[in-house]
Amino acid sequence: MAYNPNFKPVMLTMAQMERIRAIQDAEKDKSPLNLAPTINAIARSLVDTALNQMEKQVDAVR
């Protein structure tokens, strides 16, 4: 894999990985082609959602 300075590794606990895999399995079950997003795609989506929620909370306090 080529090095990309825009990406950084993130450490997850086993419990977090299990929950992400459960999301992946659920998405695969919903897909008519039996396809699922990658672990990385799911993790990025979850981080984006969490950051957006935090941003809204900070904006609400201001």
N, C-alpha and C. Protein backbone atom coordinates (compact mmCIF):
# COMPACT_ATOMS: atom_id res chain seq x y z
N MET A 1 0.84 -1.17 0.00
CA MET A 1 0.00 0.00 0.00
C MET A 1 0.89 1.24 0.00
N ALA A 2 0.56 2.21 -0.83
CA ALA A 2 1.34 3.44 -0.92
C ALA A 2 1.07 4.32 0.29
N TYR A 3 2.08 5.04 0.73
CA TYR A 3 1.94 5.94 1.87
C TYR A 3 1.19 7.18 1.44
N ASN A 4 0.21 7.58 2.21
CA ASN A 4 -0.56 8.79 1.95
C ASN A 4 -0.51 9.65 3.21
N PRO A 5 0.12 10.83 3.14
CA PRO A 5 0.26 11.66 4.34
C PRO A 5 -1.06 12.23 4.84
N ASN A 6 -2.12 12.13 4.06
CA ASN A 6 -3.43 12.65 4.46
C ASN A 6 -4.21 11.69 5.35
N PHE A 7 -3.74 10.46 5.48
CA PHE A 7 -4.43 9.46 6.28
C PHE A 7 -3.59 9.09 7.49
N LYS A 8 -4.27 8.89 8.61
CA LYS A 8 -3.59 8.51 9.85
C LYS A 8 -4.27 7.27 10.42
N PRO A 9 -3.49 6.31 10.93
CA PRO A 9 -4.10 5.13 11.54
C PRO A 9 -4.78 5.48 12.86
N VAL A 10 -5.81 4.74 13.19
CA VAL A 10 -6.55 4.94 14.44
C VAL A 10 -6.66 3.59 15.12
N MET A 11 -6.38 3.56 16.42
CA MET A 11 -6.49 2.33 17.19
C MET A 11 -7.90 2.20 17.73
N LEU A 12 -8.49 1.02 17.55
CA LEU A 12 -9.83 0.74 18.07
C LEU A 12 -9.76 -0.43 19.03
N THR A 13 -10.67 -0.44 19.99
CA THR A 13 -10.73 -1.58 20.90
C THR A 13 -11.40 -2.75 20.18
N MET A 14 -11.28 -3.92 20.76
CA MET A 14 -11.94 -5.10 20.18
C MET A 14 -13.45 -4.91 20.18
N ALA A 15 -13.99 -4.30 21.23
CA ALA A 15 -15.44 -4.07 21.30
C ALA A 15 -15.89 -3.12 20.19
N GLN A 16 -15.09 -2.10 19.91
CA GLN A 16 -15.43 -1.17 18.84
C GLN A 16 -15.38 -1.88 17.48
N MET A 17 -14.38 -2.72 17.28
CA MET A 17 -14.28 -3.47 16.03
C MET A 17 -15.46 -4.42 15.86
N GLU A 18 -15.87 -5.06 16.94
CA GLU A 18 -17.02 -5.96 16.87
C GLU A 18 -18.28 -5.20 16.46
N ARG A 19 -18.46 -4.00 17.02
CA ARG A 19 -19.64 -3.20 16.69
C ARG A 19 -19.59 -2.74 15.23
N ILE A 20 -18.40 -2.37 14.76
CA ILE A 20 -18.27 -1.96 13.36
C ILE A 20 -18.53 -3.15 12.44
N ARG A 21 -18.03 -4.31 12.81
CA ARG A 21 -18.29 -5.52 12.00
C ARG A 21 -19.78 -5.86 11.98
N ALA A 22 -20.48 -5.61 13.09
CA ALA A 22 -21.92 -5.84 13.13
C ALA A 22 -22.63 -4.90 12.16
N ILE A 23 -22.19 -3.65 12.11
CA ILE A 23 -22.75 -2.69 11.14
C ILE A 23 -22.47 -3.19 9.73
N GLN A 24 -21.25 -3.66 9.49
CA GLN A 24 -20.87 -4.16 8.17
C GLN A 24 -21.75 -5.35 7.78
N ASP A 25 -21.97 -6.26 8.70
CA ASP A 25 -22.81 -7.43 8.42
C ASP A 25 -24.25 -7.01 8.12
N ALA A 26 -24.76 -6.03 8.88
CA ALA A 26 -26.13 -5.55 8.65
C ALA A 26 -26.25 -4.91 7.27
N GLU A 27 -25.25 -4.14 6.88
CA GLU A 27 -25.27 -3.51 5.55
C GLU A 27 -25.19 -4.57 4.45
N LYS A 28 -24.40 -5.60 4.68
CA LYS A 28 -24.28 -6.69 3.71
C LYS A 28 -25.61 -7.41 3.56
N ASP A 29 -26.30 -7.63 4.68
CA ASP A 29 -27.60 -8.31 4.64
C ASP A 29 -28.64 -7.48 3.89
N LYS A 30 -28.53 -6.15 3.96
CA LYS A 30 -29.48 -5.27 3.28
C LYS A 30 -29.22 -5.18 1.78
N SER A 31 -28.00 -5.48 1.36
CA SER A 31 -27.60 -5.31 -0.03
C SER A 31 -28.11 -6.45 -0.91
N PRO A 32 -28.76 -6.12 -2.02
CA PRO A 32 -29.21 -7.18 -2.93
C PRO A 32 -28.04 -7.92 -3.59
N LEU A 33 -26.88 -7.27 -3.64
CA LEU A 33 -25.70 -7.90 -4.22
C LEU A 33 -24.77 -8.49 -3.17
N ASN A 34 -25.23 -8.47 -1.90
CA ASN A 34 -24.45 -9.03 -0.79
C ASN A 34 -23.12 -8.30 -0.61
N LEU A 35 -23.15 -6.97 -0.84
CA LEU A 35 -21.96 -6.14 -0.69
C LEU A 35 -22.06 -5.33 0.59
N ALA A 36 -20.91 -5.00 1.16
CA ALA A 36 -20.87 -4.21 2.39
C ALA A 36 -19.77 -3.16 2.28
N PRO A 37 -19.95 -2.03 2.97
CA PRO A 37 -18.87 -1.04 2.99
C PRO A 37 -17.67 -1.59 3.76
N THR A 38 -16.52 -1.04 3.49
CA THR A 38 -15.31 -1.48 4.19
C THR A 38 -15.34 -1.02 5.64
N ILE A 39 -14.52 -1.66 6.46
CA ILE A 39 -14.37 -1.24 7.86
C ILE A 39 -13.95 0.23 7.91
N ASN A 40 -13.00 0.61 7.04
CA ASN A 40 -12.53 2.00 7.02
C ASN A 40 -13.64 2.97 6.65
N ALA A 41 -14.47 2.62 5.67
CA ALA A 41 -15.56 3.50 5.27
C ALA A 41 -16.56 3.68 6.41
N ILE A 42 -16.86 2.60 7.10
CA ILE A 42 -17.80 2.68 8.23
C ILE A 42 -17.20 3.54 9.34
N ALA A 43 -15.94 3.32 9.66
CA ALA A 43 -15.29 4.10 10.72
C ALA A 43 -15.25 5.59 10.36
N ARG A 44 -14.93 5.91 9.11
CA ARG A 44 -14.92 7.32 8.69
C ARG A 44 -16.30 7.94 8.82
N SER A 45 -17.32 7.20 8.44
CA SER A 45 -18.69 7.69 8.54
C SER A 45 -19.08 7.94 10.00
N LEU A 46 -18.72 7.02 10.88
CA LEU A 46 -19.03 7.18 12.30
C LEU A 46 -18.31 8.39 12.90
N VAL A 47 -17.06 8.58 12.53
CA VAL A 47 -16.30 9.73 13.03
C VAL A 47 -16.92 11.03 12.51
N ASP A 48 -17.28 11.06 11.22
CA ASP A 48 -17.94 12.26 10.66
C ASP A 48 -19.22 12.58 11.41
N THR A 49 -20.04 11.56 11.67
CA THR A 49 -21.30 11.76 12.38
C THR A 49 -21.05 12.31 13.78
N ALA A 50 -20.09 11.73 14.49
CA ALA A 50 -19.77 12.18 15.84
C ALA A 50 -19.26 13.61 15.84
N LEU A 51 -18.38 13.94 14.90
CA LEU A 51 -17.85 15.30 14.83
C LEU A 51 -18.94 16.32 14.50
N ASN A 52 -19.85 15.96 13.61
CA ASN A 52 -20.96 16.86 13.28
C ASN A 52 -21.85 17.09 14.49
N GLN A 53 -22.12 16.04 15.26
CA GLN A 53 -22.94 16.18 16.47
C GLN A 53 -22.24 17.09 17.48
N MET A 54 -20.95 16.90 17.66
CA MET A 54 -20.19 17.73 18.60
C MET A 54 -20.20 19.19 18.16
N GLU A 55 -20.06 19.41 16.86
CA GLU A 55 -20.06 20.77 16.33
C GLU A 55 -21.40 21.46 16.58
N LYS A 56 -22.49 20.72 16.39
CA LYS A 56 -23.82 21.27 16.65
C LYS A 56 -23.99 21.62 18.12
N GLN A 57 -23.49 20.77 19.01
CA GLN A 57 -23.59 21.03 20.44
C GLN A 57 -22.79 22.27 20.82
N VAL A 58 -21.61 22.42 20.25
CA VAL A 58 -20.78 23.60 20.54
C VAL A 58 -21.47 24.85 20.02
N ASP A 59 -22.03 24.77 18.82
CA ASP A 59 -22.73 25.93 18.24
C ASP A 59 -23.95 26.30 19.07
N ALA A 60 -24.64 25.31 19.63
CA ALA A 60 -25.83 25.58 20.44
C ALA A 60 -25.47 26.30 21.73
N VAL A 61 -24.29 26.04 22.26
CA VAL A 61 -23.85 26.67 23.51
C VAL A 61 -23.44 28.13 23.26
N ARG A 62 -22.97 28.41 22.08
CA ARG A 62 -22.50 29.78 21.75
C ARG A 62 -23.62 30.73 21.66
